[in-house]
Amino acid sequence: MEQTLSLDELLDIDAPHTYLVRADGDSMTGAGILDGDVLVVSRALTGRHGDVVIAAINGETFVKRLAIRGEEVILLSENPKYPPRYVLEGDDLVIWGVVTDSIRRHRSHG
């Protein structure tokens, strides 16, 4: 039986609070996020300990796992070759959204 499939419903996209961004790099491979994946990001969610977030520290953008330990905030990679990024006093941290899903292309363009 054929049924219509809506990506908006499947990925719980709540426009205008949801946006898509393409991952760049290999720092989150342990979380299953690969270079070139499309990330579904919700601005409606508040980042909590353990969430994968889109964050900016002093204007530099990251896709990292958010760790909150008391007053300490750390952005963690999911690849051991990248060190944690500690948010220091005086840093300007902005959480641009929480990654809820990812989409991976299996056939190259061309």
PDB file of N, CA and C in Angstrom:
ATOM      1  N   MET A   1       0.835  -1.168   0.000  1.00  0.00           N
ATOM      2  CA  MET A   1       0.000   0.000   0.000  1.00  0.00           C
ATOM      3  C   MET A   1       0.890   1.245   0.000  1.00  0.00           C
ATOM      4  N   GLU A   2       0.661   2.127  -0.935  1.00  0.00           N
ATOM      5  CA  GLU A   2       1.434   3.361  -1.004  1.00  0.00           C
ATOM      6  C   GLU A   2       0.801   4.411  -0.112  1.00  0.00           C
ATOM      7  N   GLN A   3       1.683   5.174   0.493  1.00  0.00           N
ATOM      8  CA  GLN A   3       1.226   6.241   1.384  1.00  0.00           C
ATOM      9  C   GLN A   3       2.133   7.440   1.165  1.00  0.00           C
ATOM     10  N   THR A   4       1.574   8.622   1.226  1.00  0.00           N
ATOM     11  CA  THR A   4       2.365   9.836   1.086  1.00  0.00           C
ATOM     12  C   THR A   4       3.260   9.995   2.300  1.00  0.00           C
ATOM     13  N   LEU A   5       4.503  10.338   2.041  1.00  0.00           N
ATOM     14  CA  LEU A   5       5.476  10.540   3.113  1.00  0.00           C
ATOM     15  C   LEU A   5       5.872  12.008   3.126  1.00  0.00           C
ATOM     16  N   SER A   6       5.751  12.633   4.259  1.00  0.00           N
ATOM     17  CA  SER A   6       6.105  14.041   4.410  1.00  0.00           C
ATOM     18  C   SER A   6       7.354  14.150   5.275  1.00  0.00           C
ATOM     19  N   LEU A   7       8.411  14.736   4.718  1.00  0.00           N
ATOM     20  CA  LEU A   7       9.621  14.948   5.514  1.00  0.00           C
ATOM     21  C   LEU A   7       9.356  15.904   6.664  1.00  0.00           C
ATOM     22  N   ASP A   8       8.466  16.862   6.462  1.00  0.00           N
ATOM     23  CA  ASP A   8       8.106  17.781   7.543  1.00  0.00           C
ATOM     24  C   ASP A   8       7.560  17.014   8.741  1.00  0.00           C
ATOM     25  N   GLU A   9       6.681  16.052   8.486  1.00  0.00           N
ATOM     26  CA  GLU A   9       6.111  15.259   9.575  1.00  0.00           C
ATOM     27  C   GLU A   9       7.118  14.254  10.121  1.00  0.00           C
ATOM     28  N   LEU A  10       7.840  13.579   9.233  1.00  0.00           N
ATOM     29  CA  LEU A  10       8.816  12.569   9.642  1.00  0.00           C
ATOM     30  C   LEU A  10       9.899  13.156  10.538  1.00  0.00           C
ATOM     31  N   LEU A  11      10.371  14.349  10.194  1.00  0.00           N
ATOM     32  CA  LEU A  11      11.456  14.993  10.939  1.00  0.00           C
ATOM     33  C   LEU A  11      10.946  16.025  11.935  1.00  0.00           C
ATOM     34  N   ASP A  12       9.636  16.105  12.113  1.00  0.00           N
ATOM     35  CA  ASP A  12       9.009  17.021  13.066  1.00  0.00           C
ATOM     36  C   ASP A  12       9.482  18.459  12.851  1.00  0.00           C
ATOM     37  N   ILE A  13       9.455  18.877  11.594  1.00  0.00           N
ATOM     38  CA  ILE A  13       9.916  20.218  11.238  1.00  0.00           C
ATOM     39  C   ILE A  13       8.828  21.229  11.602  1.00  0.00           C
ATOM     40  N   ASP A  14       9.208  22.179  12.418  1.00  0.00           N
ATOM     41  CA  ASP A  14       8.306  23.207  12.929  1.00  0.00           C
ATOM     42  C   ASP A  14       8.774  24.562  12.406  1.00  0.00           C
ATOM     43  N   ALA A  15       8.449  24.852  11.145  1.00  0.00           N
ATOM     44  CA  ALA A  15       8.863  26.129  10.557  1.00  0.00           C
ATOM     45  C   ALA A  15       8.154  27.249  11.297  1.00  0.00           C
ATOM     46  N   PRO A  16       8.739  28.359  11.530  1.00  0.00           N
ATOM     47  CA  PRO A  16      10.072  28.798  11.119  1.00  0.00           C
ATOM     48  C   PRO A  16      11.156  28.508  12.160  1.00  0.00           C
ATOM     49  N   HIS A  17      10.880  27.621  13.094  1.00  0.00           N
ATOM     50  CA  HIS A  17      11.820  27.350  14.177  1.00  0.00           C
ATOM     51  C   HIS A  17      12.832  26.265  13.840  1.00  0.00           C
ATOM     52  N   THR A  18      12.763  25.726  12.633  1.00  0.00           N
ATOM     53  CA  THR A  18      13.656  24.659  12.222  1.00  0.00           C
ATOM     54  C   THR A  18      14.420  25.099  10.988  1.00  0.00           C
ATOM     55  N   TYR A  19      15.700  24.776  10.939  1.00  0.00           N
ATOM     56  CA  TYR A  19      16.484  25.062   9.748  1.00  0.00           C
ATOM     57  C   TYR A  19      17.410  23.887   9.472  1.00  0.00           C
ATOM     58  N   LEU A  20      17.965  23.864   8.274  1.00  0.00           N
ATOM     59  CA  LEU A  20      18.877  22.810   7.850  1.00  0.00           C
ATOM     60  C   LEU A  20      20.262  23.402   7.661  1.00  0.00           C
ATOM     61  N   VAL A  21      21.270  22.627   8.027  1.00  0.00           N
ATOM     62  CA  VAL A  21      22.652  23.055   7.860  1.00  0.00           C
ATOM     63  C   VAL A  21      23.473  21.836   7.471  1.00  0.00           C
ATOM     64  N   ARG A  22      24.494  22.022   6.654  1.00  0.00           N
ATOM     65  CA  ARG A  22      25.340  20.917   6.221  1.00  0.00           C
ATOM     66  C   ARG A  22      26.558  20.818   7.141  1.00  0.00           C
ATOM     67  N   ALA A  23      26.810  19.614   7.651  1.00  0.00           N
ATOM     68  CA  ALA A  23      27.972  19.377   8.516  1.00  0.00           C
ATOM     69  C   ALA A  23      29.248  19.474   7.683  1.00  0.00           C
ATOM     70  N   ASP A  24      30.267  20.021   8.310  1.00  0.00           N
ATOM     71  CA  ASP A  24      31.557  20.187   7.645  1.00  0.00           C
ATOM     72  C   ASP A  24      32.639  19.681   8.589  1.00  0.00           C
ATOM     73  N   GLY A  25      33.303  18.596   8.225  1.00  0.00           N
ATOM     74  CA  GLY A  25      34.381  18.064   9.046  1.00  0.00           C
ATOM     75  C   GLY A  25      34.021  16.734   9.672  1.00  0.00           C
ATOM     76  N   ASP A  26      34.956  16.228  10.480  1.00  0.00           N
ATOM     77  CA  ASP A  26      34.811  14.887  11.045  1.00  0.00           C
ATOM     78  C   ASP A  26      34.792  14.864  12.570  1.00  0.00           C
ATOM     79  N   SER A  27      34.526  15.993  13.202  1.00  0.00           N
ATOM     80  CA  SER A  27      34.599  16.043  14.667  1.00  0.00           C
ATOM     81  C   SER A  27      33.441  15.343  15.370  1.00  0.00           C
ATOM     82  N   MET A  28      32.374  15.007  14.631  1.00  0.00           N
ATOM     83  CA  MET A  28      31.203  14.390  15.269  1.00  0.00           C
ATOM     84  C   MET A  28      30.906  12.986  14.738  1.00  0.00           C
ATOM     85  N   THR A  29      31.904  12.325  14.174  1.00  0.00           N
ATOM     86  CA  THR A  29      31.693  10.999  13.593  1.00  0.00           C
ATOM     87  C   THR A  29      31.215   9.984  14.623  1.00  0.00           C
ATOM     88  N   GLY A  30      31.642  10.108  15.859  1.00  0.00           N
ATOM     89  CA  GLY A  30      31.201   9.195  16.911  1.00  0.00           C
ATOM     90  C   GLY A  30      29.725   9.317  17.235  1.00  0.00           C
ATOM     91  N   ALA A  31      29.125  10.429  16.853  1.00  0.00           N
ATOM     92  CA  ALA A  31      27.680  10.631  17.043  1.00  0.00           C
ATOM     93  C   ALA A  31      26.910  10.272  15.775  1.00  0.00           C
ATOM     94  N   GLY A  32      27.624   9.737  14.774  1.00  0.00           N
ATOM     95  CA  GLY A  32      26.974   9.371  13.521  1.00  0.00           C
ATOM     96  C   GLY A  32      26.761  10.531  12.581  1.00  0.00           C
ATOM     97  N   ILE A  33      27.418  11.656  12.834  1.00  0.00           N
ATOM     98  CA  ILE A  33      27.319  12.832  11.964  1.00  0.00           C
ATOM     99  C   ILE A  33      28.589  12.894  11.135  1.00  0.00           C
ATOM    100  N   LEU A  34      28.435  12.718   9.830  1.00  0.00           N
ATOM    101  CA  LEU A  34      29.578  12.681   8.926  1.00  0.00           C
ATOM    102  C   LEU A  34      29.660  13.962   8.106  1.00  0.00           C
ATOM    103  N   ASP A  35      30.848  14.221   7.574  1.00  0.00           N
ATOM    104  CA  ASP A  35      31.079  15.371   6.713  1.00  0.00           C
ATOM    105  C   ASP A  35      30.074  15.354   5.562  1.00  0.00           C
ATOM    106  N   GLY A  36      29.355  16.442   5.373  1.00  0.00           N
ATOM    107  CA  GLY A  36      28.389  16.553   4.295  1.00  0.00           C
ATOM    108  C   GLY A  36      26.965  16.205   4.681  1.00  0.00           C
ATOM    109  N   ASP A  37      26.748  15.608   5.858  1.00  0.00           N
ATOM    110  CA  ASP A  37      25.388  15.309   6.292  1.00  0.00           C
ATOM    111  C   ASP A  37      24.590  16.606   6.442  1.00  0.00           C
ATOM    112  N   VAL A  38      23.295  16.508   6.219  1.00  0.00           N
ATOM    113  CA  VAL A  38      22.400  17.637   6.443  1.00  0.00           C
ATOM    114  C   VAL A  38      21.812  17.468   7.834  1.00  0.00           C
ATOM    115  N   LEU A  39      21.958  18.490   8.660  1.00  0.00           N
ATOM    116  CA  LEU A  39      21.468  18.442  10.033  1.00  0.00           C
ATOM    117  C   LEU A  39      20.168  19.237  10.140  1.00  0.00           C
ATOM    118  N   VAL A  40      19.193  18.654  10.807  1.00  0.00           N
ATOM    119  CA  VAL A  40      17.930  19.326  11.097  1.00  0.00           C
ATOM    120  C   VAL A  40      18.094  19.950  12.477  1.00  0.00           C
ATOM    121  N   VAL A  41      17.930  21.260  12.554  1.00  0.00           N
ATOM    122  CA  VAL A  41      18.223  22.000  13.781  1.00  0.00           C
ATOM    123  C   VAL A  41      16.975  22.755  14.235  1.00  0.00           C
ATOM    124  N   SER A  42      16.631  22.573  15.505  1.00  0.00           N
ATOM    125  CA  SER A  42      15.482  23.273  16.075  1.00  0.00           C
ATOM    126  C   SER A  42      15.942  24.439  16.933  1.00  0.00           C
ATOM    127  N   ARG A  43      15.459  25.624  16.591  1.00  0.00           N
ATOM    128  CA  ARG A  43      15.709  26.808  17.414  1.00  0.00           C
ATOM    129  C   ARG A  43      14.718  26.894  18.554  1.00  0.00           C
ATOM    130  N   ALA A  44      13.666  26.076  18.505  1.00  0.00           N
ATOM    131  CA  ALA A  44      12.630  26.117  19.534  1.00  0.00           C
ATOM    132  C   ALA A  44      13.054  25.363  20.793  1.00  0.00           C
ATOM    133  N   LEU A  45      14.073  24.516  20.689  1.00  0.00           N
ATOM    134  CA  LEU A  45      14.534  23.747  21.839  1.00  0.00           C
ATOM    135  C   LEU A  45      15.683  24.452  22.542  1.00  0.00           C
ATOM    136  N   THR A  46      15.721  24.326  23.850  1.00  0.00           N
ATOM    137  CA  THR A  46      16.827  24.845  24.640  1.00  0.00           C
ATOM    138  C   THR A  46      17.850  23.728  24.806  1.00  0.00           C
ATOM    139  N   GLY A  47      19.101  24.026  24.515  1.00  0.00           N
ATOM    140  CA  GLY A  47      20.143  23.018  24.642  1.00  0.00           C
ATOM    141  C   GLY A  47      20.301  22.542  26.078  1.00  0.00           C
ATOM    142  N   ARG A  48      20.302  21.215  26.254  1.00  0.00           N
ATOM    143  CA  ARG A  48      20.497  20.600  27.568  1.00  0.00           C
ATOM    144  C   ARG A  48      21.754  19.749  27.535  1.00  0.00           C
ATOM    145  N   HIS A  49      22.238  19.397  28.711  1.00  0.00           N
ATOM    146  CA  HIS A  49      23.400  18.526  28.829  1.00  0.00           C
ATOM    147  C   HIS A  49      23.180  17.273  27.974  1.00  0.00           C
ATOM    148  N   GLY A  50      24.120  16.978  27.110  1.00  0.00           N
ATOM    149  CA  GLY A  50      24.056  15.791  26.266  1.00  0.00           C
ATOM    150  C   GLY A  50      23.513  16.028  24.868  1.00  0.00           C
ATOM    151  N   ASP A  51      22.887  17.188  24.627  1.00  0.00           N
ATOM    152  CA  ASP A  51      22.366  17.498  23.291  1.00  0.00           C
ATOM    153  C   ASP A  51      23.503  17.818  22.330  1.00  0.00           C
ATOM    154  N   VAL A  52      23.307  17.491  21.060  1.00  0.00           N
ATOM    155  CA  VAL A  52      24.188  17.983  20.003  1.00  0.00           C
ATOM    156  C   VAL A  52      23.615  19.325  19.584  1.00  0.00           C
ATOM    157  N   VAL A  53      24.466  20.338  19.582  1.00  0.00           N
ATOM    158  CA  VAL A  53      24.009  21.700  19.317  1.00  0.00           C
ATOM    159  C   VAL A  53      24.835  22.369  18.236  1.00  0.00           C
ATOM    160  N   ILE A  54      24.244  23.391  17.645  1.00  0.00           N
ATOM    161  CA  ILE A  54      24.973  24.335  16.812  1.00  0.00           C
ATOM    162  C   ILE A  54      25.270  25.504  17.738  1.00  0.00           C
ATOM    163  N   ALA A  55      26.550  25.767  17.961  1.00  0.00           N
ATOM    164  CA  ALA A  55      26.946  26.798  18.913  1.00  0.00           C
ATOM    165  C   ALA A  55      27.999  27.700  18.288  1.00  0.00           C
ATOM    166  N   ALA A  56      28.053  28.914  18.787  1.00  0.00           N
ATOM    167  CA  ALA A  56      29.101  29.848  18.385  1.00  0.00           C
ATOM    168  C   ALA A  56      29.765  30.375  19.648  1.00  0.00           C
ATOM    169  N   ILE A  57      31.084  30.341  19.643  1.00  0.00           N
ATOM    170  CA  ILE A  57      31.867  30.946  20.720  1.00  0.00           C
ATOM    171  C   ILE A  57      32.702  32.042  20.085  1.00  0.00           C
ATOM    172  N   ASN A  58      32.445  33.268  20.519  1.00  0.00           N
ATOM    173  CA  ASN A  58      33.163  34.431  19.996  1.00  0.00           C
ATOM    174  C   ASN A  58      33.122  34.472  18.466  1.00  0.00           C
ATOM    175  N   GLY A  59      31.975  34.077  17.901  1.00  0.00           N
ATOM    176  CA  GLY A  59      31.782  34.140  16.458  1.00  0.00           C
ATOM    177  C   GLY A  59      32.219  32.905  15.695  1.00  0.00           C
ATOM    178  N   GLU A  60      32.908  31.961  16.329  1.00  0.00           N
ATOM    179  CA  GLU A  60      33.334  30.724  15.663  1.00  0.00           C
ATOM    180  C   GLU A  60      32.262  29.656  15.872  1.00  0.00           C
ATOM    181  N   THR A  61      31.787  29.070  14.775  1.00  0.00           N
ATOM    182  CA  THR A  61      30.660  28.143  14.830  1.00  0.00           C
ATOM    183  C   THR A  61      31.123  26.697  14.961  1.00  0.00           C
ATOM    184  N   PHE A  62      30.375  25.922  15.758  1.00  0.00           N
ATOM    185  CA  PHE A  62      30.683  24.520  16.018  1.00  0.00           C
ATOM    186  C   PHE A  62      29.413  23.680  15.980  1.00  0.00           C
ATOM    187  N   VAL A  63      29.573  22.399  15.632  1.00  0.00           N
ATOM    188  CA  VAL A  63      28.571  21.372  15.900  1.00  0.00           C
ATOM    189  C   VAL A  63      29.225  20.488  16.950  1.00  0.00           C
ATOM    190  N   LYS A  64      28.696  20.487  18.160  1.00  0.00           N
ATOM    191  CA  LYS A  64      29.322  19.761  19.273  1.00  0.00           C
ATOM    192  C   LYS A  64      28.256  19.243  20.227  1.00  0.00           C
ATOM    193  N   ARG A  65      28.689  18.323  21.087  1.00  0.00           N
ATOM    194  CA  ARG A  65      27.817  17.844  22.163  1.00  0.00           C
ATOM    195  C   ARG A  65      27.992  18.787  23.350  1.00  0.00           C
ATOM    196  N   LEU A  66      26.874  19.249  23.887  1.00  0.00           N
ATOM    197  CA  LEU A  66      26.873  20.198  24.994  1.00  0.00           C
ATOM    198  C   LEU A  66      27.022  19.445  26.314  1.00  0.00           C
ATOM    199  N   ALA A  67      28.002  19.840  27.095  1.00  0.00           N
ATOM    200  CA  ALA A  67      28.192  19.269  28.434  1.00  0.00           C
ATOM    201  C   ALA A  67      28.120  20.406  29.442  1.00  0.00           C
ATOM    202  N   ILE A  68      27.275  20.223  30.431  1.00  0.00           N
ATOM    203  CA  ILE A  68      27.131  21.222  31.490  1.00  0.00           C
ATOM    204  C   ILE A  68      27.428  20.520  32.801  1.00  0.00           C
ATOM    205  N   ARG A  69      28.473  20.988  33.480  1.00  0.00           N
ATOM    206  CA  ARG A  69      28.899  20.396  34.751  1.00  0.00           C
ATOM    207  C   ARG A  69      28.958  21.513  35.784  1.00  0.00           C
ATOM    208  N   GLY A  70      27.865  21.665  36.508  1.00  0.00           N
ATOM    209  CA  GLY A  70      27.783  22.784  37.447  1.00  0.00           C
ATOM    210  C   GLY A  70      27.748  24.081  36.670  1.00  0.00           C
ATOM    211  N   GLU A  71      28.718  24.944  36.930  1.00  0.00           N
ATOM    212  CA  GLU A  71      28.823  26.223  36.220  1.00  0.00           C
ATOM    213  C   GLU A  71      29.655  26.103  34.943  1.00  0.00           C
ATOM    214  N   GLU A  72      30.293  24.964  34.744  1.00  0.00           N
ATOM    215  CA  GLU A  72      31.196  24.760  33.608  1.00  0.00           C
ATOM    216  C   GLU A  72      30.410  24.308  32.382  1.00  0.00           C
ATOM    217  N   VAL A  73      30.684  24.949  31.236  1.00  0.00           N
ATOM    218  CA  VAL A  73      30.072  24.582  29.966  1.00  0.00           C
ATOM    219  C   VAL A  73      31.190  24.157  29.022  1.00  0.00           C
ATOM    220  N   ILE A  74      31.003  22.972  28.413  1.00  0.00           N
ATOM    221  CA  ILE A  74      32.023  22.410  27.532  1.00  0.00           C
ATOM    222  C   ILE A  74      31.339  21.958  26.250  1.00  0.00           C
ATOM    223  N   LEU A  75      31.981  22.212  25.120  1.00  0.00           N
ATOM    224  CA  LEU A  75      31.528  21.688  23.837  1.00  0.00           C
ATOM    225  C   LEU A  75      32.448  20.530  23.480  1.00  0.00           C
ATOM    226  N   LEU A  76      31.864  19.334  23.375  1.00  0.00           N
ATOM    227  CA  LEU A  76      32.639  18.122  23.175  1.00  0.00           C
ATOM    228  C   LEU A  76      32.530  17.615  21.740  1.00  0.00           C
ATOM    229  N   SER A  77      33.668  17.202  21.199  1.00  0.00           N
ATOM    230  CA  SER A  77      33.690  16.514  19.912  1.00  0.00           C
ATOM    231  C   SER A  77      33.363  15.054  20.151  1.00  0.00           C
ATOM    232  N   GLU A  78      32.955  14.374  19.098  1.00  0.00           N
ATOM    233  CA  GLU A  78      32.710  12.933  19.158  1.00  0.00           C
ATOM    234  C   GLU A  78      33.750  12.238  18.290  1.00  0.00           C
ATOM    235  N   ASN A  79      34.965  12.772  18.341  1.00  0.00           N
ATOM    236  CA  ASN A  79      36.112  12.197  17.648  1.00  0.00           C
ATOM    237  C   ASN A  79      37.307  12.485  18.551  1.00  0.00           C
ATOM    238  N   PRO A  80      38.020  11.441  19.001  1.00  0.00           N
ATOM    239  CA  PRO A  80      39.082  11.645  19.987  1.00  0.00           C
ATOM    240  C   PRO A  80      40.245  12.520  19.511  1.00  0.00           C
ATOM    241  N   LYS A  81      40.342  12.785  18.229  1.00  0.00           N
ATOM    242  CA  LYS A  81      41.456  13.623  17.777  1.00  0.00           C
ATOM    243  C   LYS A  81      41.206  15.116  17.994  1.00  0.00           C
ATOM    244  N   TYR A  82      39.996  15.472  18.461  1.00  0.00           N
ATOM    245  CA  TYR A  82      39.673  16.871  18.736  1.00  0.00           C
ATOM    246  C   TYR A  82      39.464  17.077  20.233  1.00  0.00           C
ATOM    247  N   PRO A  83      40.129  18.084  20.809  1.00  0.00           N
ATOM    248  CA  PRO A  83      39.990  18.325  22.254  1.00  0.00           C
ATOM    249  C   PRO A  83      38.666  19.012  22.580  1.00  0.00           C
ATOM    250  N   PRO A  84      38.238  18.920  23.844  1.00  0.00           N
ATOM    251  CA  PRO A  84      37.036  19.650  24.263  1.00  0.00           C
ATOM    252  C   PRO A  84      37.273  21.154  24.163  1.00  0.00           C
ATOM    253  N   ARG A  85      36.198  21.894  23.941  1.00  0.00           N
ATOM    254  CA  ARG A  85      36.272  23.360  23.911  1.00  0.00           C
ATOM    255  C   ARG A  85      35.543  23.874  25.141  1.00  0.00           C
ATOM    256  N   TYR A  86      36.317  24.347  26.103  1.00  0.00           N
ATOM    257  CA  TYR A  86      35.742  24.887  27.336  1.00  0.00           C
ATOM    258  C   TYR A  86      35.302  26.321  27.091  1.00  0.00           C
ATOM    259  N   VAL A  87      34.114  26.657  27.567  1.00  0.00           N
ATOM    260  CA  VAL A  87      33.631  28.032  27.484  1.00  0.00           C
ATOM    261  C   VAL A  87      34.183  28.762  28.698  1.00  0.00           C
ATOM    262  N   LEU A  88      35.023  29.747  28.430  1.00  0.00           N
ATOM    263  CA  LEU A  88      35.714  30.467  29.491  1.00  0.00           C
ATOM    264  C   LEU A  88      34.964  31.741  29.863  1.00  0.00           C
ATOM    265  N   GLU A  89      35.239  32.238  31.052  1.00  0.00           N
ATOM    266  CA  GLU A  89      34.657  33.504  31.467  1.00  0.00           C
ATOM    267  C   GLU A  89      35.051  34.570  30.449  1.00  0.00           C
ATOM    268  N   GLY A  90      34.077  35.349  30.013  1.00  0.00           N
ATOM    269  CA  GLY A  90      34.331  36.371  29.005  1.00  0.00           C
ATOM    270  C   GLY A  90      34.042  35.909  27.582  1.00  0.00           C
ATOM    271  N   ASP A  91      33.924  34.577  27.371  1.00  0.00           N
ATOM    272  CA  ASP A  91      33.552  34.080  26.048  1.00  0.00           C
ATOM    273  C   ASP A  91      32.097  34.419  25.763  1.00  0.00           C
ATOM    274  N   ASP A  92      31.808  34.691  24.513  1.00  0.00           N
ATOM    275  CA  ASP A  92      30.437  34.942  24.082  1.00  0.00           C
ATOM    276  C   ASP A  92      29.899  33.654  23.464  1.00  0.00           C
ATOM    277  N   LEU A  93      29.097  32.913  24.224  1.00  0.00           N
ATOM    278  CA  LEU A  93      28.502  31.656  23.760  1.00  0.00           C
ATOM    279  C   LEU A  93      27.066  31.895  23.330  1.00  0.00           C
ATOM    280  N   VAL A  94      26.741  31.455  22.115  1.00  0.00           N
ATOM    281  CA  VAL A  94      25.378  31.509  21.605  1.00  0.00           C
ATOM    282  C   VAL A  94      25.030  30.115  21.097  1.00  0.00           C
ATOM    283  N   ILE A  95      23.927  29.547  21.594  1.00  0.00           N
ATOM    284  CA  ILE A  95      23.429  28.268  21.097  1.00  0.00           C
ATOM    285  C   ILE A  95      22.398  28.589  20.019  1.00  0.00           C
ATOM    286  N   TRP A  96      22.690  28.224  18.778  1.00  0.00           N
ATOM    287  CA  TRP A  96      21.821  28.536  17.652  1.00  0.00           C
ATOM    288  C   TRP A  96      20.729  27.496  17.451  1.00  0.00           C
ATOM    289  N   GLY A  97      20.824  26.364  18.137  1.00  0.00           N
ATOM    290  CA  GLY A  97      19.775  25.365  18.024  1.00  0.00           C
ATOM    291  C   GLY A  97      20.269  23.985  18.409  1.00  0.00           C
ATOM    292  N   VAL A  98      19.327  23.074  18.542  1.00  0.00           N
ATOM    293  CA  VAL A  98      19.602  21.688  18.917  1.00  0.00           C
ATOM    294  C   VAL A  98      19.414  20.818  17.677  1.00  0.00           C
ATOM    295  N   VAL A  99      20.410  19.978  17.396  1.00  0.00           N
ATOM    296  CA  VAL A  99      20.329  19.053  16.265  1.00  0.00           C
ATOM    297  C   VAL A  99      19.367  17.926  16.653  1.00  0.00           C
ATOM    298  N   THR A 100      18.315  17.752  15.864  1.00  0.00           N
ATOM    299  CA  THR A 100      17.318  16.718  16.167  1.00  0.00           C
ATOM    300  C   THR A 100      17.454  15.506  15.256  1.00  0.00           C
ATOM    301  N   ASP A 101      17.947  15.713  14.038  1.00  0.00           N
ATOM    302  CA  ASP A 101      18.058  14.631  13.056  1.00  0.00           C
ATOM    303  C   ASP A 101      19.195  14.951  12.095  1.00  0.00           C
ATOM    304  N   SER A 102      19.580  13.924  11.343  1.00  0.00           N
ATOM    305  CA  SER A 102      20.537  14.145  10.260  1.00  0.00           C
ATOM    306  C   SER A 102      20.084  13.356   9.043  1.00  0.00           C
ATOM    307  N   ILE A 103      20.470  13.849   7.879  1.00  0.00           N
ATOM    308  CA  ILE A 103      20.132  13.228   6.606  1.00  0.00           C
ATOM    309  C   ILE A 103      21.440  13.006   5.864  1.00  0.00           C
ATOM    310  N   ARG A 104      21.634  11.800   5.340  1.00  0.00           N
ATOM    311  CA  ARG A 104      22.883  11.460   4.656  1.00  0.00           C
ATOM    312  C   ARG A 104      22.590  11.072   3.222  1.00  0.00           C
ATOM    313  N   ARG A 105      23.377  11.632   2.317  1.00  0.00           N
ATOM    314  CA  ARG A 105      23.279  11.297   0.903  1.00  0.00           C
ATOM    315  C   ARG A 105      24.109  10.028   0.658  1.00  0.00           C
ATOM    316  N   HIS A 106      23.546   9.106  -0.118  1.00  0.00           N
ATOM    317  CA  HIS A 106      24.246   7.857  -0.414  1.00  0.00           C
ATOM    318  C   HIS A 106      24.674   7.760  -1.872  1.00  0.00           C
ATOM    319  N   ARG A 107      24.306   8.721  -2.671  1.00  0.00           N
ATOM    320  CA  ARG A 107      24.727   8.743  -4.055  1.00  0.00           C
ATOM    321  C   ARG A 107      25.318  10.110  -4.331  1.00  0.00           C
ATOM    322  N   SER A 108      26.495  10.121  -4.913  1.00  0.00           N
ATOM    323  CA  SER A 108      27.153  11.402  -5.159  1.00  0.00           C
ATOM    324  C   SER A 108      26.511  12.113  -6.343  1.00  0.00           C
ATOM    325  N   HIS A 109      26.675  13.418  -6.329  1.00  0.00           N
ATOM    326  CA  HIS A 109      26.213  14.218  -7.472  1.00  0.00           C
ATOM    327  C   HIS A 109      27.165  13.963  -8.628  1.00  0.00           C
ATOM    328  N   GLY A 110      26.653  14.043  -9.828  1.00  0.00           N
ATOM    329  CA  GLY A 110      27.576  13.948 -10.943  1.00  0.00           C
ATOM    330  C   GLY A 110      27.167  13.105 -12.039  1.00  0.00           C
TER     331      GLY A 110
END
